[in-house]
Structure formats: structure tokens, C-alpha cells
All heavy atoms as atom14 arrays in JSON, in Angstrom:
{
  "sequence": "QEKQGLKIYNLGTGKGTSVLDLVKAYDEANNIQIKYQIGPRR",
  "atom14_mask": [
    [1, 1, 1, 1, 1, 1, 1, 1, 1, 0, 0, 0, 0, 0],
    [1, 1, 1, 1, 1, 1, 1, 1, 1, 0, 0, 0, 0, 0],
    [1, 1, 1, 1, 1, 1, 1, 1, 1, 0, 0, 0, 0, 0],
    [1, 1, 1, 1, 1, 1, 1, 1, 1, 0, 0, 0, 0, 0],
    [1, 1, 1, 1, 0, 0, 0, 0, 0, 0, 0, 0, 0, 0],
    [1, 1, 1, 1, 1, 1, 1, 1, 0, 0, 0, 0, 0, 0],
    [1, 1, 1, 1, 1, 1, 1, 1, 1, 0, 0, 0, 0, 0],
    [1, 1, 1, 1, 1, 1, 1, 1, 0, 0, 0, 0, 0, 0],
    [1, 1, 1, 1, 1, 1, 1, 1, 1, 1, 1, 1, 0, 0],
    [1, 1, 1, 1, 1, 1, 1, 1, 0, 0, 0, 0, 0, 0],
    [1, 1, 1, 1, 1, 1, 1, 1, 0, 0, 0, 0, 0, 0],
    [1, 1, 1, 1, 0, 0, 0, 0, 0, 0, 0, 0, 0, 0],
    [1, 1, 1, 1, 1, 1, 1, 0, 0, 0, 0, 0, 0, 0],
    [1, 1, 1, 1, 0, 0, 0, 0, 0, 0, 0, 0, 0, 0],
    [1, 1, 1, 1, 1, 1, 1, 1, 1, 0, 0, 0, 0, 0],
    [1, 1, 1, 1, 0, 0, 0, 0, 0, 0, 0, 0, 0, 0],
    [1, 1, 1, 1, 1, 1, 1, 0, 0, 0, 0, 0, 0, 0],
    [1, 1, 1, 1, 1, 1, 0, 0, 0, 0, 0, 0, 0, 0],
    [1, 1, 1, 1, 1, 1, 1, 0, 0, 0, 0, 0, 0, 0],
    [1, 1, 1, 1, 1, 1, 1, 1, 0, 0, 0, 0, 0, 0],
    [1, 1, 1, 1, 1, 1, 1, 1, 0, 0, 0, 0, 0, 0],
    [1, 1, 1, 1, 1, 1, 1, 1, 0, 0, 0, 0, 0, 0],
    [1, 1, 1, 1, 1, 1, 1, 0, 0, 0, 0, 0, 0, 0],
    [1, 1, 1, 1, 1, 1, 1, 1, 1, 0, 0, 0, 0, 0],
    [1, 1, 1, 1, 1, 0, 0, 0, 0, 0, 0, 0, 0, 0],
    [1, 1, 1, 1, 1, 1, 1, 1, 1, 1, 1, 1, 0, 0],
    [1, 1, 1, 1, 1, 1, 1, 1, 0, 0, 0, 0, 0, 0],
    [1, 1, 1, 1, 1, 1, 1, 1, 1, 0, 0, 0, 0, 0],
    [1, 1, 1, 1, 1, 0, 0, 0, 0, 0, 0, 0, 0, 0],
    [1, 1, 1, 1, 1, 1, 1, 1, 0, 0, 0, 0, 0, 0],
    [1, 1, 1, 1, 1, 1, 1, 1, 0, 0, 0, 0, 0, 0],
    [1, 1, 1, 1, 1, 1, 1, 1, 0, 0, 0, 0, 0, 0],
    [1, 1, 1, 1, 1, 1, 1, 1, 1, 0, 0, 0, 0, 0],
    [1, 1, 1, 1, 1, 1, 1, 1, 0, 0, 0, 0, 0, 0],
    [1, 1, 1, 1, 1, 1, 1, 1, 1, 0, 0, 0, 0, 0],
    [1, 1, 1, 1, 1, 1, 1, 1, 1, 1, 1, 1, 0, 0],
    [1, 1, 1, 1, 1, 1, 1, 1, 1, 0, 0, 0, 0, 0],
    [1, 1, 1, 1, 1, 1, 1, 1, 0, 0, 0, 0, 0, 0],
    [1, 1, 1, 1, 0, 0, 0, 0, 0, 0, 0, 0, 0, 0],
    [1, 1, 1, 1, 1, 1, 1, 0, 0, 0, 0, 0, 0, 0],
    [1, 1, 1, 1, 1, 1, 1, 1, 1, 1, 1, 0, 0, 0],
    [1, 1, 1, 1, 1, 1, 1, 1, 1, 1, 1, 0, 0, 0]
  ],
  "atom14_positions": [
    [[2.51, -14.39, -13.31], [3.99, -14.07, -13.28], [4.21, -12.59, -13.79], [5.21, -11.91, -13.36], [4.77, -15.05, -14.22], [4.88, -16.41, -13.61], [5.4, -17.44, -14.53], [4.99, -17.53, -15.62], [6.32, -18.22, -14.01], [0.0, 0.0, 0.0], [0.0, 0.0, 0.0], [0.0, 0.0, 0.0], [0.0, 0.0, 0.0], [0.0, 0.0, 0.0]],
    [[3.28, -12.18, -14.7], [3.52, -10.83, -15.15], [2.68, -9.71, -14.33], [2.61, -8.66, -14.7], [2.95, -10.69, -16.71], [3.83, -11.63, -17.65], [3.19, -11.56, -18.99], [2.06, -11.03, -19.25], [3.84, -12.13, -19.99], [0.0, 0.0, 0.0], [0.0, 0.0, 0.0], [0.0, 0.0, 0.0], [0.0, 0.0, 0.0], [0.0, 0.0, 0.0]],
    [[2.12, -10.2, -13.3], [1.41, -9.34, -12.24], [0.35, -8.58, -13.0], [0.46, -7.23, -12.79], [2.44, -8.54, -11.5], [3.57, -9.31, -10.82], [4.46, -8.39, -9.93], [5.47, -9.19, -9.22], [5.04, -10.42, -8.46], [0.0, 0.0, 0.0], [0.0, 0.0, 0.0], [0.0, 0.0, 0.0], [0.0, 0.0, 0.0], [0.0, 0.0, 0.0]],
    [[-0.47, -9.18, -13.66], [-1.53, -8.42, -14.4], [-2.73, -8.13, -13.64], [-3.73, -7.59, -14.19], [-1.96, -9.32, -15.72], [-0.74, -9.32, -16.76], [-1.3, -10.01, -17.93], [-2.45, -10.11, -18.25], [-0.3, -10.57, -18.74], [0.0, 0.0, 0.0], [0.0, 0.0, 0.0], [0.0, 0.0, 0.0], [0.0, 0.0, 0.0], [0.0, 0.0, 0.0]],
    [[-2.84, -8.55, -12.29], [-3.92, -8.17, -11.52], [-5.02, -9.26, -11.65], [-4.79, -10.43, -11.52], [0.0, 0.0, 0.0], [0.0, 0.0, 0.0], [0.0, 0.0, 0.0], [0.0, 0.0, 0.0], [0.0, 0.0, 0.0], [0.0, 0.0, 0.0], [0.0, 0.0, 0.0], [0.0, 0.0, 0.0], [0.0, 0.0, 0.0], [0.0, 0.0, 0.0]],
    [[-6.26, -8.73, -11.93], [-7.46, -9.64, -12.03], [-7.72, -10.06, -13.49], [-7.91, -9.17, -14.35], [-8.76, -9.03, -11.42], [-9.98, -9.77, -11.44], [-9.93, -11.11, -10.75], [-11.13, -8.87, -11.05], [0.0, 0.0, 0.0], [0.0, 0.0, 0.0], [0.0, 0.0, 0.0], [0.0, 0.0, 0.0], [0.0, 0.0, 0.0], [0.0, 0.0, 0.0]],
    [[-7.78, -11.27, -13.71], [-8.05, -11.75, -15.14], [-9.08, -12.83, -14.95], [-9.09, -13.62, -14.15], [-6.76, -12.2, -15.78], [-5.59, -11.29, -15.89], [-5.91, -10.08, -16.64], [-6.03, -10.36, -18.21], [-6.19, -9.13, -18.99], [0.0, 0.0, 0.0], [0.0, 0.0, 0.0], [0.0, 0.0, 0.0], [0.0, 0.0, 0.0], [0.0, 0.0, 0.0]],
    [[-9.94, -12.9, -16.05], [-11.09, -13.97, -15.95], [-11.01, -14.5, -17.39], [-11.02, -13.88, -18.5], [-12.42, -13.35, -15.85], [-12.43, -12.61, -14.43], [-13.51, -14.44, -15.85], [-13.71, -11.8, -14.17], [0.0, 0.0, 0.0], [0.0, 0.0, 0.0], [0.0, 0.0, 0.0], [0.0, 0.0, 0.0], [0.0, 0.0, 0.0], [0.0, 0.0, 0.0]],
    [[-11.15, -15.94, -17.48], [-11.1, -16.67, -18.68], [-12.08, -17.87, -18.76], [-12.09, -18.54, -17.76], [-9.61, -17.2, -19.06], [-8.61, -16.11, -19.19], [-7.77, -15.94, -18.12], [-8.43, -15.37, -20.35], [-6.64, -14.96, -18.18], [-7.49, -14.38, -20.43], [-6.55, -14.15, -19.36], [-5.61, -13.19, -19.46], [0.0, 0.0, 0.0], [0.0, 0.0, 0.0]],
    [[-12.7, -17.97, -19.77], [-13.41, -19.22, -20.07], [-12.49, -20.25, -20.65], [-11.64, -19.92, -21.51], [-14.58, -19.07, -21.11], [-15.75, -18.24, -20.61], [-16.03, -18.28, -19.48], [-16.43, -17.56, -21.52], [0.0, 0.0, 0.0], [0.0, 0.0, 0.0], [0.0, 0.0, 0.0], [0.0, 0.0, 0.0], [0.0, 0.0, 0.0], [0.0, 0.0, 0.0]],
    [[-12.53, -21.46, -20.16], [-11.79, -22.65, -20.81], [-12.81, -23.56, -21.21], [-13.49, -24.24, -20.52], [-10.84, -23.22, -19.75], [-9.72, -22.38, -19.19], [-8.86, -23.21, -18.27], [-8.94, -21.72, -20.25], [0.0, 0.0, 0.0], [0.0, 0.0, 0.0], [0.0, 0.0, 0.0], [0.0, 0.0, 0.0], [0.0, 0.0, 0.0], [0.0, 0.0, 0.0]],
    [[-12.87, -23.73, -22.54], [-13.78, -24.67, -23.33], [-13.36, -24.8, -24.64], [-12.42, -24.28, -25.1], [0.0, 0.0, 0.0], [0.0, 0.0, 0.0], [0.0, 0.0, 0.0], [0.0, 0.0, 0.0], [0.0, 0.0, 0.0], [0.0, 0.0, 0.0], [0.0, 0.0, 0.0], [0.0, 0.0, 0.0], [0.0, 0.0, 0.0], [0.0, 0.0, 0.0]],
    [[-14.17, -25.67, -25.33], [-13.91, -25.97, -26.74], [-14.58, -24.93, -27.72], [-14.29, -24.86, -28.86], [-14.31, -27.28, -27.27], [-15.73, -27.49, -26.96], [-13.62, -28.41, -26.27], [0.0, 0.0, 0.0], [0.0, 0.0, 0.0], [0.0, 0.0, 0.0], [0.0, 0.0, 0.0], [0.0, 0.0, 0.0], [0.0, 0.0, 0.0], [0.0, 0.0, 0.0]],
    [[-15.63, -24.38, -27.11], [-16.62, -23.45, -27.98], [-17.6, -24.21, -28.7], [-18.23, -23.63, -29.53], [0.0, 0.0, 0.0], [0.0, 0.0, 0.0], [0.0, 0.0, 0.0], [0.0, 0.0, 0.0], [0.0, 0.0, 0.0], [0.0, 0.0, 0.0], [0.0, 0.0, 0.0], [0.0, 0.0, 0.0], [0.0, 0.0, 0.0], [0.0, 0.0, 0.0]],
    [[-17.71, -25.53, -28.55], [-18.68, -26.41, -29.17], [-19.56, -27.09, -28.3], [-19.08, -27.64, -27.26], [-17.91, -27.48, -29.94], [-16.96, -26.86, -31.07], [-16.15, -28.03, -31.82], [-15.23, -27.43, -32.73], [-14.25, -28.42, -33.23], [0.0, 0.0, 0.0], [0.0, 0.0, 0.0], [0.0, 0.0, 0.0], [0.0, 0.0, 0.0], [0.0, 0.0, 0.0]],
    [[-20.89, -27.05, -28.5], [-21.77, -27.66, -27.64], [-22.08, -29.11, -28.05], [-22.22, -29.38, -29.19], [0.0, 0.0, 0.0], [0.0, 0.0, 0.0], [0.0, 0.0, 0.0], [0.0, 0.0, 0.0], [0.0, 0.0, 0.0], [0.0, 0.0, 0.0], [0.0, 0.0, 0.0], [0.0, 0.0, 0.0], [0.0, 0.0, 0.0], [0.0, 0.0, 0.0]],
    [[-22.11, -29.98, -27.16], [-22.32, -31.41, -27.43], [-23.47, -31.98, -26.49], [-23.36, -31.77, -25.3], [-21.08, -32.3, -26.96], [-19.96, -31.79, -27.93], [-21.31, -33.74, -27.41], [0.0, 0.0, 0.0], [0.0, 0.0, 0.0], [0.0, 0.0, 0.0], [0.0, 0.0, 0.0], [0.0, 0.0, 0.0], [0.0, 0.0, 0.0], [0.0, 0.0, 0.0]],
    [[-24.52, -32.55, -27.05], [-25.59, -33.07, -26.32], [-25.23, -34.32, -25.51], [-24.25, -34.96, -25.85], [-26.86, -33.21, -27.11], [-26.72, -34.41, -27.82], [0.0, 0.0, 0.0], [0.0, 0.0, 0.0], [0.0, 0.0, 0.0], [0.0, 0.0, 0.0], [0.0, 0.0, 0.0], [0.0, 0.0, 0.0], [0.0, 0.0, 0.0], [0.0, 0.0, 0.0]],
    [[-26.0, -34.74, -24.64], [-25.72, -36.07, -23.94], [-25.82, -37.11, -24.97], [-24.96, -38.01, -24.92], [-26.8, -36.28, -22.76], [-26.58, -37.58, -22.11], [-26.73, -35.22, -21.67], [0.0, 0.0, 0.0], [0.0, 0.0, 0.0], [0.0, 0.0, 0.0], [0.0, 0.0, 0.0], [0.0, 0.0, 0.0], [0.0, 0.0, 0.0], [0.0, 0.0, 0.0]],
    [[-26.77, -37.22, -25.78], [-26.91, -38.32, -26.79], [-25.7, -38.2, -27.73], [-25.31, -39.3, -28.18], [-28.18, -38.17, -27.56], [-29.5, -38.81, -26.78], [-30.73, -38.43, -27.59], [-29.28, -40.28, -26.47], [0.0, 0.0, 0.0], [0.0, 0.0, 0.0], [0.0, 0.0, 0.0], [0.0, 0.0, 0.0], [0.0, 0.0, 0.0], [0.0, 0.0, 0.0]],
    [[-25.31, -36.9, -28.1], [-24.14, -36.88, -29.0], [-22.9, -37.54, -28.32], [-22.11, -38.22, -28.93], [-23.77, -35.42, -29.22], [-24.79, -34.75, -30.23], [-25.43, -35.43, -31.03], [-24.85, -33.49, -30.13], [0.0, 0.0, 0.0], [0.0, 0.0, 0.0], [0.0, 0.0, 0.0], [0.0, 0.0, 0.0], [0.0, 0.0, 0.0], [0.0, 0.0, 0.0]],
    [[-22.7, -37.3, -27.04], [-21.63, -37.86, -26.29], [-21.7, -39.36, -26.22], [-20.65, -40.06, -26.43], [-21.62, -37.3, -24.9], [-20.47, -37.72, -24.09], [-19.15, -37.08, -24.58], [-20.64, -37.26, -22.51], [0.0, 0.0, 0.0], [0.0, 0.0, 0.0], [0.0, 0.0, 0.0], [0.0, 0.0, 0.0], [0.0, 0.0, 0.0], [0.0, 0.0, 0.0]],
    [[-22.88, -39.86, -26.01], [-23.02, -41.36, -25.9], [-22.62, -41.99, -27.35], [-21.94, -43.03, -27.39], [-24.49, -41.75, -25.59], [-24.72, -43.3, -25.75], [-24.79, -41.38, -24.09], [0.0, 0.0, 0.0], [0.0, 0.0, 0.0], [0.0, 0.0, 0.0], [0.0, 0.0, 0.0], [0.0, 0.0, 0.0], [0.0, 0.0, 0.0], [0.0, 0.0, 0.0]],
    [[-23.16, -41.33, -28.4], [-22.79, -41.82, -29.73], [-21.36, -41.78, -30.07], [-20.82, -42.69, -30.63], [-23.64, -41.04, -30.72], [-25.2, -41.36, -30.76], [-25.89, -40.44, -31.62], [-27.4, -40.6, -31.46], [-28.14, -39.58, -32.22], [0.0, 0.0, 0.0], [0.0, 0.0, 0.0], [0.0, 0.0, 0.0], [0.0, 0.0, 0.0], [0.0, 0.0, 0.0]],
    [[-20.61, -40.65, -29.57], [-19.24, -40.56, -29.75], [-18.48, -41.56, -29.05], [-17.46, -42.2, -29.51], [-18.74, -39.12, -29.38], [0.0, 0.0, 0.0], [0.0, 0.0, 0.0], [0.0, 0.0, 0.0], [0.0, 0.0, 0.0], [0.0, 0.0, 0.0], [0.0, 0.0, 0.0], [0.0, 0.0, 0.0], [0.0, 0.0, 0.0], [0.0, 0.0, 0.0]],
    [[-18.94, -41.89, -27.85], [-18.37, -42.95, -26.97], [-18.5, -44.41, -27.67], [-17.47, -45.11, -27.79], [-19.05, -42.93, -25.7], [-18.34, -43.73, -24.6], [-17.5, -43.03, -23.65], [-18.34, -45.15, -24.41], [-16.81, -43.67, -22.67], [-17.61, -45.86, -23.43], [-16.85, -45.11, -22.56], [-16.17, -45.77, -21.58], [0.0, 0.0, 0.0], [0.0, 0.0, 0.0]],
    [[-19.68, -44.59, -28.25], [-19.95, -45.86, -28.98], [-18.79, -45.93, -30.15], [-18.22, -46.9, -30.52], [-21.3, -45.89, -29.46], [-22.24, -46.14, -28.42], [-21.92, -46.29, -27.17], [-23.52, -46.02, -28.7], [0.0, 0.0, 0.0], [0.0, 0.0, 0.0], [0.0, 0.0, 0.0], [0.0, 0.0, 0.0], [0.0, 0.0, 0.0], [0.0, 0.0, 0.0]],
    [[-18.66, -44.84, -30.89], [-17.88, -44.76, -32.07], [-16.36, -44.93, -31.68], [-15.74, -45.69, -32.35], [-18.17, -43.39, -32.8], [-17.24, -43.25, -33.98], [-17.28, -41.81, -34.48], [-18.25, -40.99, -34.37], [-16.24, -41.39, -35.21], [0.0, 0.0, 0.0], [0.0, 0.0, 0.0], [0.0, 0.0, 0.0], [0.0, 0.0, 0.0], [0.0, 0.0, 0.0]],
    [[-15.94, -44.25, -30.66], [-14.61, -44.22, -30.35], [-14.15, -45.57, -29.79], [-13.01, -46.02, -30.11], [-14.29, -43.19, -29.26], [0.0, 0.0, 0.0], [0.0, 0.0, 0.0], [0.0, 0.0, 0.0], [0.0, 0.0, 0.0], [0.0, 0.0, 0.0], [0.0, 0.0, 0.0], [0.0, 0.0, 0.0], [0.0, 0.0, 0.0], [0.0, 0.0, 0.0]],
    [[-15.01, -46.28, -29.14], [-14.57, -47.55, -28.51], [-15.2, -48.78, -28.95], [-15.08, -49.94, -28.43], [-14.89, -47.3, -27.0], [-14.14, -46.05, -26.47], [-13.02, -46.02, -26.56], [-14.96, -45.28, -25.77], [0.0, 0.0, 0.0], [0.0, 0.0, 0.0], [0.0, 0.0, 0.0], [0.0, 0.0, 0.0], [0.0, 0.0, 0.0], [0.0, 0.0, 0.0]],
    [[-16.04, -48.64, -30.15], [-16.78, -49.87, -30.58], [-17.53, -50.63, -29.49], [-17.36, -51.86, -29.38], [-15.72, -50.71, -31.38], [-16.4, -51.73, -32.23], [-17.5, -51.53, -32.69], [-15.69, -52.95, -32.41], [0.0, 0.0, 0.0], [0.0, 0.0, 0.0], [0.0, 0.0, 0.0], [0.0, 0.0, 0.0], [0.0, 0.0, 0.0], [0.0, 0.0, 0.0]],
    [[-18.38, -49.8, -28.85], [-19.14, -50.4, -27.76], [-20.43, -49.79, -27.78], [-20.73, -48.66, -28.3], [-18.4, -50.1, -26.37], [-18.85, -50.89, -25.29], [-18.41, -48.61, -26.1], [-17.95, -50.89, -24.07], [0.0, 0.0, 0.0], [0.0, 0.0, 0.0], [0.0, 0.0, 0.0], [0.0, 0.0, 0.0], [0.0, 0.0, 0.0], [0.0, 0.0, 0.0]],
    [[-21.47, -50.49, -27.27], [-22.91, -49.96, -27.25], [-23.19, -49.63, -25.69], [-23.33, -50.6, -24.95], [-23.81, -50.9, -27.78], [-25.09, -50.43, -28.24], [-25.05, -49.62, -29.57], [-24.22, -49.96, -30.43], [-25.82, -48.61, -29.69], [0.0, 0.0, 0.0], [0.0, 0.0, 0.0], [0.0, 0.0, 0.0], [0.0, 0.0, 0.0], [0.0, 0.0, 0.0]],
    [[-23.41, -48.42, -25.47], [-23.76, -48.0, -24.01], [-25.27, -48.11, -23.93], [-26.07, -47.42, -24.68], [-23.31, -46.54, -23.75], [-21.7, -46.48, -23.74], [-23.78, -46.07, -22.4], [-21.13, -47.39, -22.73], [0.0, 0.0, 0.0], [0.0, 0.0, 0.0], [0.0, 0.0, 0.0], [0.0, 0.0, 0.0], [0.0, 0.0, 0.0], [0.0, 0.0, 0.0]],
    [[-25.82, -48.87, -23.07], [-27.15, -48.96, -22.71], [-27.65, -47.78, -21.92], [-27.0, -47.32, -20.85], [-27.52, -50.24, -21.92], [-28.91, -50.51, -21.78], [-29.16, -51.77, -20.87], [-30.61, -52.03, -20.56], [-30.87, -53.22, -19.73], [0.0, 0.0, 0.0], [0.0, 0.0, 0.0], [0.0, 0.0, 0.0], [0.0, 0.0, 0.0], [0.0, 0.0, 0.0]],
    [[-28.78, -47.16, -22.36], [-29.2, -45.97, -21.66], [-30.76, -46.01, -21.62], [-31.5, -46.59, -22.46], [-28.74, -44.64, -22.25], [-29.21, -44.24, -23.64], [-30.38, -43.66, -23.84], [-28.52, -44.76, -24.72], [-30.92, -43.36, -25.15], [-28.99, -44.45, -26.1], [-30.25, -43.74, -26.22], [-30.63, -43.49, -27.41], [0.0, 0.0, 0.0], [0.0, 0.0, 0.0]],
    [[-31.29, -45.28, -20.6], [-32.72, -44.97, -20.57], [-32.94, -43.53, -20.3], [-32.16, -42.77, -19.82], [-33.42, -45.82, -19.41], [-32.8, -45.5, -18.08], [-33.28, -46.42, -16.86], [-33.78, -47.48, -17.2], [-33.04, -46.1, -15.79], [0.0, 0.0, 0.0], [0.0, 0.0, 0.0], [0.0, 0.0, 0.0], [0.0, 0.0, 0.0], [0.0, 0.0, 0.0]],
    [[-34.12, -43.05, -20.57], [-34.45, -41.63, -20.34], [-35.2, -41.46, -18.92], [-36.2, -42.19, -18.68], [-35.39, -41.05, -21.4], [-34.77, -41.24, -22.78], [-35.7, -39.61, -21.2], [-33.39, -40.5, -22.95], [0.0, 0.0, 0.0], [0.0, 0.0, 0.0], [0.0, 0.0, 0.0], [0.0, 0.0, 0.0], [0.0, 0.0, 0.0], [0.0, 0.0, 0.0]],
    [[-34.64, -40.54, -18.13], [-35.35, -40.22, -16.95], [-35.79, -38.78, -16.88], [-35.74, -38.1, -17.8], [0.0, 0.0, 0.0], [0.0, 0.0, 0.0], [0.0, 0.0, 0.0], [0.0, 0.0, 0.0], [0.0, 0.0, 0.0], [0.0, 0.0, 0.0], [0.0, 0.0, 0.0], [0.0, 0.0, 0.0], [0.0, 0.0, 0.0], [0.0, 0.0, 0.0]],
    [[-36.4, -38.41, -15.72], [-36.81, -36.97, -15.62], [-35.71, -36.06, -15.55], [-34.56, -36.44, -15.21], [-37.75, -36.96, -14.31], [-37.16, -38.09, -13.55], [-36.71, -39.16, -14.51], [0.0, 0.0, 0.0], [0.0, 0.0, 0.0], [0.0, 0.0, 0.0], [0.0, 0.0, 0.0], [0.0, 0.0, 0.0], [0.0, 0.0, 0.0], [0.0, 0.0, 0.0]],
    [[-35.97, -34.72, -15.78], [-35.0, -33.71, -15.63], [-34.43, -33.77, -14.19], [-35.1, -34.09, -13.28], [-35.54, -32.38, -15.95], [-35.96, -32.19, -17.44], [-36.33, -30.66, -17.56], [-36.73, -30.35, -18.87], [-37.02, -29.14, -19.46], [-36.74, -28.1, -18.62], [-37.44, -28.91, -20.54], [0.0, 0.0, 0.0], [0.0, 0.0, 0.0], [0.0, 0.0, 0.0]],
    [[-33.24, -33.22, -14.15], [-32.59, -33.24, -12.84], [-32.62, -31.73, -12.34], [-32.19, -30.92, -13.12], [-31.11, -33.62, -12.94], [-30.29, -33.71, -11.66], [-28.93, -34.49, -11.9], [-28.22, -33.7, -12.88], [-26.96, -34.08, -13.24], [-26.43, -35.12, -12.73], [-26.25, -33.47, -14.16], [0.0, 0.0, 0.0], [0.0, 0.0, 0.0], [0.0, 0.0, 0.0]]
  ]
}
């Protein structure tokens, strides 16, 4: 709206969370146990 031309922004929290961290947070938030297995890299 202010006609500033070209602008670039990151949108994030600034905090890194691992896959296992996320699974644990999900368990904690919802009182549930997510079953998981480890596979090869993608």
C-alpha cells in the first residue's frame, strides 16, 4: 500500500525444533502417544 517497491521478509519463529521435539510436544499438548519408527534420510 505504501508502494515500497521490492521487499523480502522471512516469516518464522526464530526457533529450531527437531522432529523428535515436535513429536514430544504433540504428546504433551494432547496427552497422546504418537507411535514412530526411524527410516532412512529423505
